[in-house]
Amino acid sequence: MKIYFAGSIRGGREDATLYADIIYYLKNFGEVLTEHIGDPSLTGLGDDGLTDRFIHNRDLDWLLSADVVVAEVTTVSMGVGYEIGRAVAAGKKVLCLFRPDSGKKLSAMIGGCPDINVVQYKNQEEAKIEISAFLKKFE
């Protein structure tokens, strides 16, 4: 199974450690195409030498080749929202993970979309249970 993981980069990196843990767990189910999202050295400042066009085209290729998309959507990110929209339009199965105790509100465009599986979780163990339940449907 090819898994596209989406998490905030330029929108904020405060959850990078969480992303790394989720990505590590996702590897139990298949190939994670976007392992770099969990890299703590990834700053989101655009100082990695890659152009925006290169990133867009590379990531869109990965997204369209994926079997499923898993996104952590607690940290607001225009890019993650774009990826989710493109995934839905392409008929991909999408799981969005959101922490309600973060003090943030889930986007109505994500929460209200019938083609997106949204789950709320409190900790990494709950996230892993939700991920397992979602991915086992597609094995």
N, C-alpha and C. Protein backbone atom coordinates (compact mmCIF):
# COMPACT_ATOMS: atom_id res chain seq x y z
N MET A 1 0.84 -1.18 0.00
CA MET A 1 0.00 0.00 0.00
C MET A 1 0.89 1.24 0.00
N LYS A 2 0.54 2.20 -0.83
CA LYS A 2 1.24 3.48 -0.85
C LYS A 2 0.43 4.49 -0.06
N ILE A 3 1.08 5.12 0.92
CA ILE A 3 0.41 6.04 1.84
C ILE A 3 1.01 7.43 1.68
N TYR A 4 0.15 8.41 1.49
CA TYR A 4 0.57 9.81 1.44
C TYR A 4 0.21 10.43 2.77
N PHE A 5 1.21 10.85 3.53
CA PHE A 5 0.96 11.52 4.80
C PHE A 5 1.08 13.02 4.59
N ALA A 6 0.09 13.76 5.08
CA ALA A 6 0.10 15.22 4.98
C ALA A 6 0.11 15.82 6.38
N GLY A 7 0.98 16.80 6.55
CA GLY A 7 1.07 17.55 7.80
C GLY A 7 1.69 18.90 7.49
N SER A 8 1.48 19.83 8.36
CA SER A 8 1.92 21.21 8.13
C SER A 8 3.44 21.32 8.02
N ILE A 9 3.88 22.11 7.05
CA ILE A 9 5.29 22.47 6.95
C ILE A 9 5.39 23.98 7.12
N ARG A 10 4.98 24.73 6.14
CA ARG A 10 5.08 26.19 6.23
C ARG A 10 4.04 26.79 7.17
N GLY A 11 2.99 26.07 7.47
CA GLY A 11 1.96 26.55 8.40
C GLY A 11 2.37 26.46 9.86
N GLY A 12 3.48 25.77 10.13
CA GLY A 12 3.98 25.61 11.50
C GLY A 12 4.49 24.20 11.71
N ARG A 13 5.61 24.10 12.40
CA ARG A 13 6.26 22.80 12.59
C ARG A 13 6.16 22.30 14.03
N GLU A 14 5.27 22.87 14.83
CA GLU A 14 5.20 22.46 16.23
C GLU A 14 4.81 21.00 16.43
N ASP A 15 4.21 20.37 15.43
CA ASP A 15 3.82 18.96 15.54
C ASP A 15 4.76 18.01 14.79
N ALA A 16 5.95 18.47 14.43
CA ALA A 16 6.87 17.65 13.65
C ALA A 16 7.19 16.31 14.33
N THR A 17 7.37 16.33 15.64
CA THR A 17 7.67 15.08 16.37
C THR A 17 6.48 14.13 16.30
N LEU A 18 5.28 14.67 16.43
CA LEU A 18 4.07 13.86 16.29
C LEU A 18 3.98 13.27 14.89
N TYR A 19 4.25 14.09 13.87
CA TYR A 19 4.22 13.59 12.49
C TYR A 19 5.20 12.44 12.32
N ALA A 20 6.39 12.57 12.88
CA ALA A 20 7.40 11.52 12.76
C ALA A 20 6.90 10.22 13.38
N ASP A 21 6.24 10.32 14.52
CA ASP A 21 5.70 9.14 15.18
C ASP A 21 4.60 8.49 14.34
N ILE A 22 3.72 9.30 13.78
CA ILE A 22 2.64 8.77 12.94
C ILE A 22 3.24 8.10 11.70
N ILE A 23 4.20 8.75 11.07
CA ILE A 23 4.83 8.19 9.87
C ILE A 23 5.50 6.84 10.19
N TYR A 24 6.20 6.79 11.31
CA TYR A 24 6.83 5.53 11.73
C TYR A 24 5.78 4.43 11.87
N TYR A 25 4.63 4.77 12.45
CA TYR A 25 3.56 3.79 12.60
C TYR A 25 2.96 3.40 11.25
N LEU A 26 2.77 4.38 10.38
CA LEU A 26 2.19 4.10 9.06
C LEU A 26 3.02 3.10 8.26
N LYS A 27 4.31 3.07 8.51
CA LYS A 27 5.19 2.15 7.79
C LYS A 27 4.83 0.68 8.04
N ASN A 28 4.09 0.41 9.11
CA ASN A 28 3.62 -0.95 9.36
C ASN A 28 2.62 -1.41 8.31
N PHE A 29 2.04 -0.46 7.59
CA PHE A 29 0.98 -0.77 6.64
C PHE A 29 1.41 -0.65 5.18
N GLY A 30 2.54 -0.01 4.94
CA GLY A 30 2.97 0.16 3.56
C GLY A 30 4.06 1.21 3.44
N GLU A 31 4.24 1.66 2.22
CA GLU A 31 5.27 2.65 1.91
C GLU A 31 4.70 4.05 2.12
N VAL A 32 5.38 4.84 2.96
CA VAL A 32 4.99 6.22 3.18
C VAL A 32 5.78 7.08 2.19
N LEU A 33 5.06 7.71 1.29
CA LEU A 33 5.70 8.48 0.21
C LEU A 33 6.28 9.81 0.69
N THR A 34 5.81 10.28 1.82
CA THR A 34 6.18 11.62 2.31
C THR A 34 6.83 11.56 3.68
N GLU A 35 7.81 10.71 3.84
CA GLU A 35 8.50 10.56 5.12
C GLU A 35 9.13 11.86 5.60
N HIS A 36 9.52 12.72 4.69
CA HIS A 36 10.21 13.96 5.06
C HIS A 36 9.35 14.89 5.91
N ILE A 37 8.04 14.71 5.92
CA ILE A 37 7.16 15.58 6.71
C ILE A 37 7.49 15.48 8.20
N GLY A 38 7.97 14.35 8.65
CA GLY A 38 8.33 14.17 10.05
C GLY A 38 9.76 14.55 10.40
N ASP A 39 10.52 14.98 9.43
CA ASP A 39 11.92 15.33 9.66
C ASP A 39 12.01 16.62 10.47
N PRO A 40 12.57 16.57 11.68
CA PRO A 40 12.63 17.78 12.51
C PRO A 40 13.52 18.88 11.94
N SER A 41 14.40 18.54 11.00
CA SER A 41 15.26 19.57 10.41
C SER A 41 14.55 20.33 9.29
N LEU A 42 13.38 19.85 8.89
CA LEU A 42 12.59 20.53 7.86
C LEU A 42 11.97 21.76 8.51
N THR A 43 12.36 22.93 8.05
CA THR A 43 11.95 24.17 8.74
C THR A 43 10.67 24.78 8.21
N GLY A 44 10.34 24.54 6.96
CA GLY A 44 9.18 25.18 6.39
C GLY A 44 9.45 26.59 5.92
N LEU A 45 10.69 27.00 5.97
CA LEU A 45 11.05 28.35 5.56
C LEU A 45 11.34 28.45 4.07
N GLY A 46 11.32 27.32 3.39
CA GLY A 46 11.61 27.32 1.97
C GLY A 46 13.10 27.48 1.68
N ASP A 47 13.92 27.13 2.67
CA ASP A 47 15.36 27.30 2.52
C ASP A 47 16.08 26.00 2.16
N ASP A 48 15.34 25.04 1.62
CA ASP A 48 15.93 23.75 1.29
C ASP A 48 16.44 23.68 -0.14
N GLY A 49 16.33 24.78 -0.90
CA GLY A 49 16.83 24.82 -2.26
C GLY A 49 15.85 24.34 -3.30
N LEU A 50 14.70 23.83 -2.89
CA LEU A 50 13.70 23.35 -3.83
C LEU A 50 12.75 24.49 -4.19
N THR A 51 12.38 24.55 -5.45
CA THR A 51 11.43 25.59 -5.85
C THR A 51 10.01 25.17 -5.49
N ASP A 52 9.14 26.14 -5.36
CA ASP A 52 7.74 25.84 -5.07
C ASP A 52 7.13 24.96 -6.18
N ARG A 53 7.49 25.23 -7.42
CA ARG A 53 6.96 24.43 -8.54
C ARG A 53 7.42 22.99 -8.42
N PHE A 54 8.70 22.78 -8.10
CA PHE A 54 9.21 21.42 -7.95
C PHE A 54 8.46 20.69 -6.84
N ILE A 55 8.29 21.35 -5.68
CA ILE A 55 7.60 20.73 -4.55
C ILE A 55 6.16 20.39 -4.93
N HIS A 56 5.46 21.32 -5.56
CA HIS A 56 4.08 21.08 -5.97
C HIS A 56 3.99 19.86 -6.88
N ASN A 57 4.81 19.84 -7.93
CA ASN A 57 4.72 18.75 -8.91
C ASN A 57 5.13 17.41 -8.32
N ARG A 58 6.18 17.40 -7.52
CA ARG A 58 6.63 16.15 -6.88
C ARG A 58 5.55 15.62 -5.94
N ASP A 59 5.05 16.50 -5.09
CA ASP A 59 4.07 16.06 -4.10
C ASP A 59 2.75 15.65 -4.76
N LEU A 60 2.35 16.35 -5.80
CA LEU A 60 1.12 15.96 -6.50
C LEU A 60 1.28 14.60 -7.18
N ASP A 61 2.46 14.34 -7.74
CA ASP A 61 2.72 13.01 -8.31
C ASP A 61 2.60 11.93 -7.24
N TRP A 62 3.20 12.19 -6.07
CA TRP A 62 3.10 11.23 -4.97
C TRP A 62 1.65 11.06 -4.54
N LEU A 63 0.94 12.15 -4.40
CA LEU A 63 -0.46 12.11 -3.95
C LEU A 63 -1.31 11.27 -4.90
N LEU A 64 -1.15 11.51 -6.19
CA LEU A 64 -1.96 10.79 -7.17
C LEU A 64 -1.57 9.32 -7.29
N SER A 65 -0.36 8.97 -6.90
CA SER A 65 0.06 7.57 -6.94
C SER A 65 -0.29 6.81 -5.67
N ALA A 66 -0.71 7.53 -4.64
CA ALA A 66 -1.01 6.91 -3.35
C ALA A 66 -2.33 6.15 -3.39
N ASP A 67 -2.41 5.13 -2.54
CA ASP A 67 -3.66 4.40 -2.38
C ASP A 67 -4.57 5.10 -1.37
N VAL A 68 -3.97 5.68 -0.34
CA VAL A 68 -4.71 6.37 0.71
C VAL A 68 -3.95 7.61 1.15
N VAL A 69 -4.68 8.52 1.78
CA VAL A 69 -4.08 9.73 2.33
C VAL A 69 -4.43 9.80 3.81
N VAL A 70 -3.43 10.04 4.63
CA VAL A 70 -3.62 10.27 6.06
C VAL A 70 -3.06 11.66 6.34
N ALA A 71 -3.89 12.51 6.94
CA ALA A 71 -3.47 13.89 7.21
C ALA A 71 -3.70 14.23 8.67
N GLU A 72 -2.72 14.87 9.28
CA GLU A 72 -2.89 15.42 10.62
C GLU A 72 -3.24 16.88 10.39
N VAL A 73 -4.46 17.29 10.78
CA VAL A 73 -4.99 18.60 10.40
C VAL A 73 -5.16 19.57 11.56
N THR A 74 -4.55 19.28 12.70
CA THR A 74 -4.70 20.17 13.85
C THR A 74 -4.03 21.52 13.59
N THR A 75 -2.82 21.51 13.05
CA THR A 75 -2.14 22.75 12.69
C THR A 75 -2.64 23.17 11.32
N VAL A 76 -3.21 24.35 11.25
CA VAL A 76 -3.80 24.85 10.02
C VAL A 76 -2.71 25.01 8.95
N SER A 77 -3.00 24.50 7.76
CA SER A 77 -2.05 24.56 6.65
C SER A 77 -2.81 24.64 5.34
N MET A 78 -2.56 25.69 4.59
CA MET A 78 -3.19 25.80 3.27
C MET A 78 -2.77 24.65 2.36
N GLY A 79 -1.51 24.25 2.46
CA GLY A 79 -1.01 23.17 1.62
C GLY A 79 -1.70 21.85 1.92
N VAL A 80 -1.89 21.55 3.19
CA VAL A 80 -2.57 20.31 3.57
C VAL A 80 -4.02 20.34 3.08
N GLY A 81 -4.67 21.48 3.23
CA GLY A 81 -6.04 21.61 2.73
C GLY A 81 -6.11 21.38 1.23
N TYR A 82 -5.14 21.94 0.51
CA TYR A 82 -5.06 21.75 -0.94
C TYR A 82 -4.87 20.27 -1.28
N GLU A 83 -3.96 19.62 -0.57
CA GLU A 83 -3.70 18.20 -0.82
C GLU A 83 -4.95 17.37 -0.56
N ILE A 84 -5.66 17.67 0.51
CA ILE A 84 -6.88 16.91 0.82
C ILE A 84 -7.92 17.12 -0.27
N GLY A 85 -8.08 18.37 -0.71
CA GLY A 85 -9.04 18.64 -1.79
C GLY A 85 -8.69 17.90 -3.06
N ARG A 86 -7.41 17.90 -3.42
CA ARG A 86 -6.99 17.18 -4.62
C ARG A 86 -7.19 15.67 -4.45
N ALA A 87 -6.94 15.16 -3.25
CA ALA A 87 -7.12 13.73 -2.99
C ALA A 87 -8.59 13.34 -3.14
N VAL A 88 -9.48 14.14 -2.57
CA VAL A 88 -10.91 13.86 -2.68
C VAL A 88 -11.34 13.90 -4.15
N ALA A 89 -10.88 14.92 -4.87
CA ALA A 89 -11.23 15.04 -6.29
C ALA A 89 -10.74 13.84 -7.10
N ALA A 90 -9.62 13.25 -6.68
CA ALA A 90 -9.06 12.09 -7.38
C ALA A 90 -9.66 10.77 -6.90
N GLY A 91 -10.59 10.83 -5.96
CA GLY A 91 -11.24 9.61 -5.47
C GLY A 91 -10.43 8.83 -4.46
N LYS A 92 -9.45 9.48 -3.83
CA LYS A 92 -8.62 8.80 -2.83
C LYS A 92 -9.39 8.65 -1.52
N LYS A 93 -9.05 7.64 -0.76
CA LYS A 93 -9.58 7.47 0.59
C LYS A 93 -8.76 8.35 1.52
N VAL A 94 -9.43 9.19 2.30
CA VAL A 94 -8.73 10.18 3.12
C VAL A 94 -9.14 10.05 4.58
N LEU A 95 -8.13 10.00 5.44
CA LEU A 95 -8.33 10.04 6.89
C LEU A 95 -7.69 11.31 7.41
N CYS A 96 -8.47 12.12 8.14
CA CYS A 96 -7.93 13.32 8.78
C CYS A 96 -7.98 13.12 10.29
N LEU A 97 -6.86 13.39 10.93
CA LEU A 97 -6.71 13.28 12.38
C LEU A 97 -6.70 14.69 12.97
N PHE A 98 -7.52 14.89 14.02
CA PHE A 98 -7.63 16.22 14.63
C PHE A 98 -7.67 16.09 16.15
N ARG A 99 -6.92 16.95 16.85
CA ARG A 99 -6.90 16.98 18.31
C ARG A 99 -7.78 18.13 18.81
N PRO A 100 -8.98 17.84 19.29
CA PRO A 100 -9.88 18.91 19.72
C PRO A 100 -9.39 19.67 20.95
N ASP A 101 -8.55 19.05 21.76
CA ASP A 101 -8.07 19.73 22.97
C ASP A 101 -6.91 20.70 22.67
N SER A 102 -6.62 20.90 21.39
CA SER A 102 -5.55 21.81 20.99
C SER A 102 -5.96 23.28 21.11
N GLY A 103 -7.26 23.53 21.29
CA GLY A 103 -7.75 24.89 21.32
C GLY A 103 -8.03 25.43 19.93
N LYS A 104 -7.79 24.63 18.92
CA LYS A 104 -8.04 25.04 17.54
C LYS A 104 -9.35 24.46 17.06
N LYS A 105 -9.90 25.03 16.02
CA LYS A 105 -11.14 24.54 15.43
C LYS A 105 -10.85 23.86 14.11
N LEU A 106 -11.52 22.76 13.90
CA LEU A 106 -11.40 22.04 12.64
C LEU A 106 -12.10 22.82 11.54
N SER A 107 -11.47 22.92 10.39
CA SER A 107 -12.07 23.59 9.25
C SER A 107 -13.40 22.94 8.88
N ALA A 108 -14.42 23.77 8.64
CA ALA A 108 -15.72 23.26 8.21
C ALA A 108 -15.61 22.55 6.86
N MET A 109 -14.67 22.96 6.03
CA MET A 109 -14.50 22.34 4.72
C MET A 109 -13.97 20.92 4.86
N ILE A 110 -13.26 20.64 5.93
CA ILE A 110 -12.78 19.29 6.19
C ILE A 110 -13.85 18.51 6.95
N GLY A 111 -14.31 19.09 8.06
CA GLY A 111 -15.30 18.41 8.89
C GLY A 111 -16.63 18.16 8.20
N GLY A 112 -16.98 19.01 7.24
CA GLY A 112 -18.27 18.88 6.57
C GLY A 112 -18.25 18.08 5.29
N CYS A 113 -17.09 17.63 4.87
CA CYS A 113 -16.99 16.88 3.61
C CYS A 113 -17.33 15.40 3.84
N PRO A 114 -18.37 14.90 3.17
CA PRO A 114 -18.74 13.49 3.38
C PRO A 114 -17.74 12.49 2.82
N ASP A 115 -16.80 12.96 2.00
CA ASP A 115 -15.81 12.06 1.41
C ASP A 115 -14.52 11.97 2.21
N ILE A 116 -14.51 12.59 3.39
CA ILE A 116 -13.33 12.57 4.26
C ILE A 116 -13.70 11.90 5.57
N ASN A 117 -12.88 10.96 6.00
CA ASN A 117 -13.04 10.34 7.31
C ASN A 117 -12.28 11.21 8.31
N VAL A 118 -13.01 11.86 9.21
CA VAL A 118 -12.39 12.71 10.22
C VAL A 118 -12.52 12.02 11.57
N VAL A 119 -11.41 11.90 12.28
CA VAL A 119 -11.45 11.35 13.63
C VAL A 119 -10.74 12.30 14.58
N GLN A 120 -11.28 12.38 15.76
CA GLN A 120 -10.67 13.18 16.81
C GLN A 120 -9.92 12.24 17.75
N TYR A 121 -8.79 12.71 18.23
CA TYR A 121 -7.99 11.88 19.12
C TYR A 121 -7.32 12.76 20.17
N LYS A 122 -6.93 12.13 21.27
CA LYS A 122 -6.31 12.87 22.37
C LYS A 122 -4.81 12.65 22.47
N ASN A 123 -4.36 11.47 22.05
CA ASN A 123 -2.94 11.14 22.18
C ASN A 123 -2.51 10.22 21.04
N GLN A 124 -1.23 9.93 21.00
CA GLN A 124 -0.70 9.13 19.90
C GLN A 124 -1.28 7.72 19.86
N GLU A 125 -1.55 7.16 21.01
CA GLU A 125 -2.12 5.80 21.03
C GLU A 125 -3.50 5.79 20.40
N GLU A 126 -4.32 6.79 20.71
CA GLU A 126 -5.65 6.88 20.08
C GLU A 126 -5.52 7.08 18.58
N ALA A 127 -4.56 7.90 18.16
CA ALA A 127 -4.34 8.13 16.73
C ALA A 127 -4.00 6.81 16.03
N LYS A 128 -3.16 6.01 16.66
CA LYS A 128 -2.75 4.74 16.06
C LYS A 128 -3.93 3.78 15.94
N ILE A 129 -4.80 3.77 16.92
CA ILE A 129 -5.99 2.91 16.85
C ILE A 129 -6.87 3.33 15.67
N GLU A 130 -7.05 4.62 15.50
CA GLU A 130 -7.87 5.14 14.39
C GLU A 130 -7.22 4.86 13.04
N ILE A 131 -5.92 5.02 12.97
CA ILE A 131 -5.19 4.73 11.73
C ILE A 131 -5.34 3.25 11.37
N SER A 132 -5.15 2.38 12.34
CA SER A 132 -5.28 0.94 12.09
C SER A 132 -6.67 0.59 11.58
N ALA A 133 -7.69 1.11 12.23
CA ALA A 133 -9.06 0.82 11.82
C ALA A 133 -9.31 1.29 10.39
N PHE A 134 -8.80 2.46 10.05
CA PHE A 134 -8.99 3.02 8.71
C PHE A 134 -8.25 2.19 7.67
N LEU A 135 -6.98 1.91 7.89
CA LEU A 135 -6.17 1.24 6.88
C LEU A 135 -6.52 -0.22 6.69
N LYS A 136 -7.00 -0.86 7.74
CA LYS A 136 -7.35 -2.29 7.61
C LYS A 136 -8.51 -2.48 6.64
N LYS A 137 -9.29 -1.46 6.39
CA LYS A 137 -10.38 -1.55 5.42
C LYS A 137 -9.87 -1.71 3.99
N PHE A 138 -8.60 -1.34 3.76
CA PHE A 138 -8.08 -1.31 2.39
C PHE A 138 -6.94 -2.30 2.15
N GLU A 139 -6.70 -3.19 3.09
CA GLU A 139 -5.64 -4.18 2.92
C GLU A 139 -6.08 -5.25 1.94
